[in-house]
Amino acid sequence: MSPSPKKKCCSDKPACKRCPLRMMREGTLPPGYTVKKRKLVKVKKKSKTKTKVAA
């Protein structure tokens, strides 16, 4: 099991094992998460409801 990612990238060199940028690049980031502006964020799911169009 991989370690949980940090909430924010500390931008150290070399990158630590828990860095969200490194985990995203390696593909080890948990499902449902992504990285935006060096911060770990949850991916919002789109609703699958259909809207009815008046014909």
PDB file of N, CA and C in Angstrom:
ATOM      1  N   MET A   1       0.835  -1.177   0.000  1.00  0.00           N
ATOM      2  CA  MET A   1       0.000   0.000   0.000  1.00  0.00           C
ATOM      3  C   MET A   1       0.884   1.246   0.000  1.00  0.00           C
ATOM      4  N   SER A   2       0.548   2.193  -0.851  1.00  0.00           N
ATOM      5  CA  SER A   2       1.356   3.401  -0.945  1.00  0.00           C
ATOM      6  C   SER A   2       0.985   4.374   0.168  1.00  0.00           C
ATOM      7  N   PRO A   3       1.925   5.229   0.559  1.00  0.00           N
ATOM      8  CA  PRO A   3       1.622   6.207   1.607  1.00  0.00           C
ATOM      9  C   PRO A   3       0.615   7.240   1.110  1.00  0.00           C
ATOM     10  N   SER A   4      -0.114   7.845   2.036  1.00  0.00           N
ATOM     11  CA  SER A   4      -1.091   8.847   1.643  1.00  0.00           C
ATOM     12  C   SER A   4      -0.365  10.128   1.231  1.00  0.00           C
ATOM     13  N   PRO A   5      -0.902  10.843   0.240  1.00  0.00           N
ATOM     14  CA  PRO A   5      -0.227  12.062  -0.223  1.00  0.00           C
ATOM     15  C   PRO A   5      -0.381  13.210   0.763  1.00  0.00           C
ATOM     16  N   LYS A   6       0.533  14.163   0.679  1.00  0.00           N
ATOM     17  CA  LYS A   6       0.436  15.376   1.479  1.00  0.00           C
ATOM     18  C   LYS A   6      -0.677  16.247   0.911  1.00  0.00           C
ATOM     19  N   LYS A   7      -1.123  17.217   1.674  1.00  0.00           N
ATOM     20  CA  LYS A   7      -2.165  18.139   1.216  1.00  0.00           C
ATOM     21  C   LYS A   7      -1.598  19.172   0.248  1.00  0.00           C
ATOM     22  N   LYS A   8      -0.324  19.535   0.421  1.00  0.00           N
ATOM     23  CA  LYS A   8       0.297  20.570  -0.401  1.00  0.00           C
ATOM     24  C   LYS A   8       1.739  20.174  -0.701  1.00  0.00           C
ATOM     25  N   CYS A   9       2.186  20.483  -1.892  1.00  0.00           N
ATOM     26  CA  CYS A   9       3.563  20.181  -2.289  1.00  0.00           C
ATOM     27  C   CYS A   9       4.506  21.190  -1.649  1.00  0.00           C
ATOM     28  N   CYS A  10       5.583  20.708  -1.061  1.00  0.00           N
ATOM     29  CA  CYS A  10       6.540  21.608  -0.421  1.00  0.00           C
ATOM     30  C   CYS A  10       7.628  22.060  -1.393  1.00  0.00           C
ATOM     31  N   SER A  11       7.622  21.536  -2.603  1.00  0.00           N
ATOM     32  CA  SER A  11       8.545  21.882  -3.697  1.00  0.00           C
ATOM     33  C   SER A  11      10.015  21.726  -3.319  1.00  0.00           C
ATOM     34  N   ASP A  12      10.337  20.725  -2.506  1.00  0.00           N
ATOM     35  CA  ASP A  12      11.726  20.406  -2.185  1.00  0.00           C
ATOM     36  C   ASP A  12      12.340  19.609  -3.329  1.00  0.00           C
ATOM     37  N   LYS A  13      13.646  19.663  -3.435  1.00  0.00           N
ATOM     38  CA  LYS A  13      14.367  18.854  -4.405  1.00  0.00           C
ATOM     39  C   LYS A  13      15.290  17.946  -3.630  1.00  0.00           C
ATOM     40  N   PRO A  14      15.305  16.664  -3.831  1.00  0.00           N
ATOM     41  CA  PRO A  14      14.390  15.858  -4.641  1.00  0.00           C
ATOM     42  C   PRO A  14      13.021  15.736  -3.968  1.00  0.00           C
ATOM     43  N   ALA A  15      12.025  15.466  -4.766  1.00  0.00           N
ATOM     44  CA  ALA A  15      10.655  15.368  -4.261  1.00  0.00           C
ATOM     45  C   ALA A  15      10.529  14.180  -3.319  1.00  0.00           C
ATOM     46  N   CYS A  16       9.799  14.369  -2.224  1.00  0.00           N
ATOM     47  CA  CYS A  16       9.618  13.280  -1.255  1.00  0.00           C
ATOM     48  C   CYS A  16       8.649  12.232  -1.818  1.00  0.00           C
ATOM     49  N   LYS A  17       8.562  11.104  -1.174  1.00  0.00           N
ATOM     50  CA  LYS A  17       7.709  10.004  -1.644  1.00  0.00           C
ATOM     51  C   LYS A  17       6.226  10.325  -1.552  1.00  0.00           C
ATOM     52  N   ARG A  18       5.830  11.246  -0.649  1.00  0.00           N
ATOM     53  CA  ARG A  18       4.420  11.590  -0.445  1.00  0.00           C
ATOM     54  C   ARG A  18       3.992  12.829  -1.219  1.00  0.00           C
ATOM     55  N   CYS A  19       4.868  13.386  -2.034  1.00  0.00           N
ATOM     56  CA  CYS A  19       4.553  14.599  -2.784  1.00  0.00           C
ATOM     57  C   CYS A  19       3.398  14.321  -3.751  1.00  0.00           C
ATOM     58  N   PRO A  20       2.326  15.151  -3.729  1.00  0.00           N
ATOM     59  CA  PRO A  20       1.193  14.897  -4.619  1.00  0.00           C
ATOM     60  C   PRO A  20       1.560  14.996  -6.094  1.00  0.00           C
ATOM     61  N   LEU A  21       2.490  15.892  -6.444  1.00  0.00           N
ATOM     62  CA  LEU A  21       2.913  16.003  -7.844  1.00  0.00           C
ATOM     63  C   LEU A  21       3.617  14.737  -8.308  1.00  0.00           C
ATOM     64  N   ARG A  22       4.488  14.214  -7.462  1.00  0.00           N
ATOM     65  CA  ARG A  22       5.217  12.991  -7.793  1.00  0.00           C
ATOM     66  C   ARG A  22       4.258  11.805  -7.907  1.00  0.00           C
ATOM     67  N   MET A  23       3.310  11.717  -6.950  1.00  0.00           N
ATOM     68  CA  MET A  23       2.360  10.607  -6.963  1.00  0.00           C
ATOM     69  C   MET A  23       1.459  10.675  -8.199  1.00  0.00           C
ATOM     70  N   MET A  24       1.073  11.886  -8.618  1.00  0.00           N
ATOM     71  CA  MET A  24       0.248  12.028  -9.812  1.00  0.00           C
ATOM     72  C   MET A  24       1.038  11.591 -11.046  1.00  0.00           C
ATOM     73  N   ARG A  25       2.288  11.992 -11.128  1.00  0.00           N
ATOM     74  CA  ARG A  25       3.140  11.647 -12.271  1.00  0.00           C
ATOM     75  C   ARG A  25       3.373  10.137 -12.342  1.00  0.00           C
ATOM     76  N   GLU A  26       3.543   9.489 -11.192  1.00  0.00           N
ATOM     77  CA  GLU A  26       3.784   8.047 -11.155  1.00  0.00           C
ATOM     78  C   GLU A  26       2.495   7.233 -11.260  1.00  0.00           C
ATOM     79  N   GLY A  27       1.345   7.876 -11.078  1.00  0.00           N
ATOM     80  CA  GLY A  27       0.070   7.171 -11.162  1.00  0.00           C
ATOM     81  C   GLY A  27      -0.327   6.482  -9.871  1.00  0.00           C
ATOM     82  N   THR A  28       0.243   6.898  -8.738  1.00  0.00           N
ATOM     83  CA  THR A  28      -0.068   6.271  -7.463  1.00  0.00           C
ATOM     84  C   THR A  28      -1.002   7.120  -6.605  1.00  0.00           C
ATOM     85  N   LEU A  29      -1.543   8.180  -7.162  1.00  0.00           N
ATOM     86  CA  LEU A  29      -2.484   9.034  -6.440  1.00  0.00           C
ATOM     87  C   LEU A  29      -3.787   8.263  -6.235  1.00  0.00           C
ATOM     88  N   PRO A  30      -4.418   8.350  -5.060  1.00  0.00           N
ATOM     89  CA  PRO A  30      -5.665   7.609  -4.819  1.00  0.00           C
ATOM     90  C   PRO A  30      -6.763   8.039  -5.802  1.00  0.00           C
ATOM     91  N   PRO A  31      -7.687   7.148  -6.129  1.00  0.00           N
ATOM     92  CA  PRO A  31      -8.773   7.514  -7.039  1.00  0.00           C
ATOM     93  C   PRO A  31      -9.647   8.608  -6.431  1.00  0.00           C
ATOM     94  N   GLY A  32     -10.093   9.531  -7.279  1.00  0.00           N
ATOM     95  CA  GLY A  32     -10.937  10.621  -6.813  1.00  0.00           C
ATOM     96  C   GLY A  32     -10.166  11.872  -6.438  1.00  0.00           C
ATOM     97  N   TYR A  33      -8.841  11.862  -6.593  1.00  0.00           N
ATOM     98  CA  TYR A  33      -8.020  13.016  -6.261  1.00  0.00           C
ATOM     99  C   TYR A  33      -7.212  13.462  -7.465  1.00  0.00           C
ATOM    100  N   THR A  34      -6.888  14.751  -7.505  1.00  0.00           N
ATOM    101  CA  THR A  34      -6.008  15.304  -8.516  1.00  0.00           C
ATOM    102  C   THR A  34      -5.210  16.433  -7.869  1.00  0.00           C
ATOM    103  N   VAL A  35      -4.292  17.032  -8.630  1.00  0.00           N
ATOM    104  CA  VAL A  35      -3.459  18.109  -8.116  1.00  0.00           C
ATOM    105  C   VAL A  35      -3.697  19.355  -8.956  1.00  0.00           C
ATOM    106  N   LYS A  36      -4.008  20.456  -8.275  1.00  0.00           N
ATOM    107  CA  LYS A  36      -4.173  21.746  -8.944  1.00  0.00           C
ATOM    108  C   LYS A  36      -3.429  22.795  -8.142  1.00  0.00           C
ATOM    109  N   LYS A  37      -2.570  23.532  -8.818  1.00  0.00           N
ATOM    110  CA  LYS A  37      -1.762  24.587  -8.188  1.00  0.00           C
ATOM    111  C   LYS A  37      -0.981  24.055  -6.996  1.00  0.00           C
ATOM    112  N   ARG A  38      -0.370  22.883  -7.182  1.00  0.00           N
ATOM    113  CA  ARG A  38       0.468  22.213  -6.171  1.00  0.00           C
ATOM    114  C   ARG A  38      -0.293  21.785  -4.925  1.00  0.00           C
ATOM    115  N   LYS A  39      -1.624  21.742  -4.998  1.00  0.00           N
ATOM    116  CA  LYS A  39      -2.433  21.303  -3.865  1.00  0.00           C
ATOM    117  C   LYS A  39      -3.269  20.096  -4.260  1.00  0.00           C
ATOM    118  N   LEU A  40      -3.473  19.200  -3.307  1.00  0.00           N
ATOM    119  CA  LEU A  40      -4.286  18.010  -3.507  1.00  0.00           C
ATOM    120  C   LEU A  40      -5.755  18.404  -3.407  1.00  0.00           C
ATOM    121  N   VAL A  41      -6.543  18.075  -4.432  1.00  0.00           N
ATOM    122  CA  VAL A  41      -7.972  18.399  -4.422  1.00  0.00           C
ATOM    123  C   VAL A  41      -8.773  17.175  -4.815  1.00  0.00           C
ATOM    124  N   LYS A  42     -10.035  17.124  -4.339  1.00  0.00           N
ATOM    125  CA  LYS A  42     -10.933  16.040  -4.717  1.00  0.00           C
ATOM    126  C   LYS A  42     -11.577  16.372  -6.047  1.00  0.00           C
ATOM    127  N   VAL A  43     -11.773  15.356  -6.870  1.00  0.00           N
ATOM    128  CA  VAL A  43     -12.428  15.522  -8.155  1.00  0.00           C
ATOM    129  C   VAL A  43     -13.930  15.495  -7.918  1.00  0.00           C
ATOM    130  N   LYS A  44     -14.627  16.475  -8.461  1.00  0.00           N
ATOM    131  CA  LYS A  44     -16.077  16.503  -8.324  1.00  0.00           C
ATOM    132  C   LYS A  44     -16.683  15.637  -9.406  1.00  0.00           C
ATOM    133  N   LYS A  45     -17.667  14.856  -9.016  1.00  0.00           N
ATOM    134  CA  LYS A  45     -18.349  14.004  -9.977  1.00  0.00           C
ATOM    135  C   LYS A  45     -19.452  14.803 -10.642  1.00  0.00           C
ATOM    136  N   LYS A  46     -19.611  14.605 -11.937  1.00  0.00           N
ATOM    137  CA  LYS A  46     -20.684  15.258 -12.670  1.00  0.00           C
ATOM    138  C   LYS A  46     -21.969  14.484 -12.421  1.00  0.00           C
ATOM    139  N   SER A  47     -23.057  15.214 -12.290  1.00  0.00           N
ATOM    140  CA  SER A  47     -24.335  14.535 -12.094  1.00  0.00           C
ATOM    141  C   SER A  47     -24.782  13.922 -13.418  1.00  0.00           C
ATOM    142  N   LYS A  48     -25.408  12.778 -13.331  1.00  0.00           N
ATOM    143  CA  LYS A  48     -25.786  12.062 -14.529  1.00  0.00           C
ATOM    144  C   LYS A  48     -27.285  12.186 -14.821  1.00  0.00           C
ATOM    145  N   THR A  49     -27.896  13.227 -14.310  1.00  0.00           N
ATOM    146  CA  THR A  49     -29.311  13.427 -14.571  1.00  0.00           C
ATOM    147  C   THR A  49     -29.493  14.101 -15.913  1.00  0.00           C
ATOM    148  N   LYS A  50     -30.491  13.696 -16.603  1.00  0.00           N
ATOM    149  CA  LYS A  50     -30.768  14.273 -17.910  1.00  0.00           C
ATOM    150  C   LYS A  50     -31.852  15.330 -17.759  1.00  0.00           C
ATOM    151  N   THR A  51     -31.699  16.395 -18.488  1.00  0.00           N
ATOM    152  CA  THR A  51     -32.745  17.418 -18.483  1.00  0.00           C
ATOM    153  C   THR A  51     -33.649  17.177 -19.663  1.00  0.00           C
ATOM    154  N   LYS A  52     -34.944  17.332 -19.415  1.00  0.00           N
ATOM    155  CA  LYS A  52     -35.914  17.107 -20.492  1.00  0.00           C
ATOM    156  C   LYS A  52     -36.046  18.378 -21.308  1.00  0.00           C
ATOM    157  N   VAL A  53     -36.052  18.208 -22.594  1.00  0.00           N
ATOM    158  CA  VAL A  53     -36.172  19.331 -23.503  1.00  0.00           C
ATOM    159  C   VAL A  53     -37.608  19.368 -24.024  1.00  0.00           C
ATOM    160  N   ALA A  54     -38.239  20.522 -23.950  1.00  0.00           N
ATOM    161  CA  ALA A  54     -39.600  20.667 -24.453  1.00  0.00           C
ATOM    162  C   ALA A  54     -39.569  20.586 -25.975  1.00  0.00           C
ATOM    163  N   ALA A  55     -40.358  19.658 -26.525  1.00  0.00           N
ATOM    164  CA  ALA A  55     -40.337  19.476 -27.975  1.00  0.00           C
ATOM    165  C   ALA A  55     -41.585  20.018 -28.620  1.00  0.00           C
TER     166      ALA A  55
END
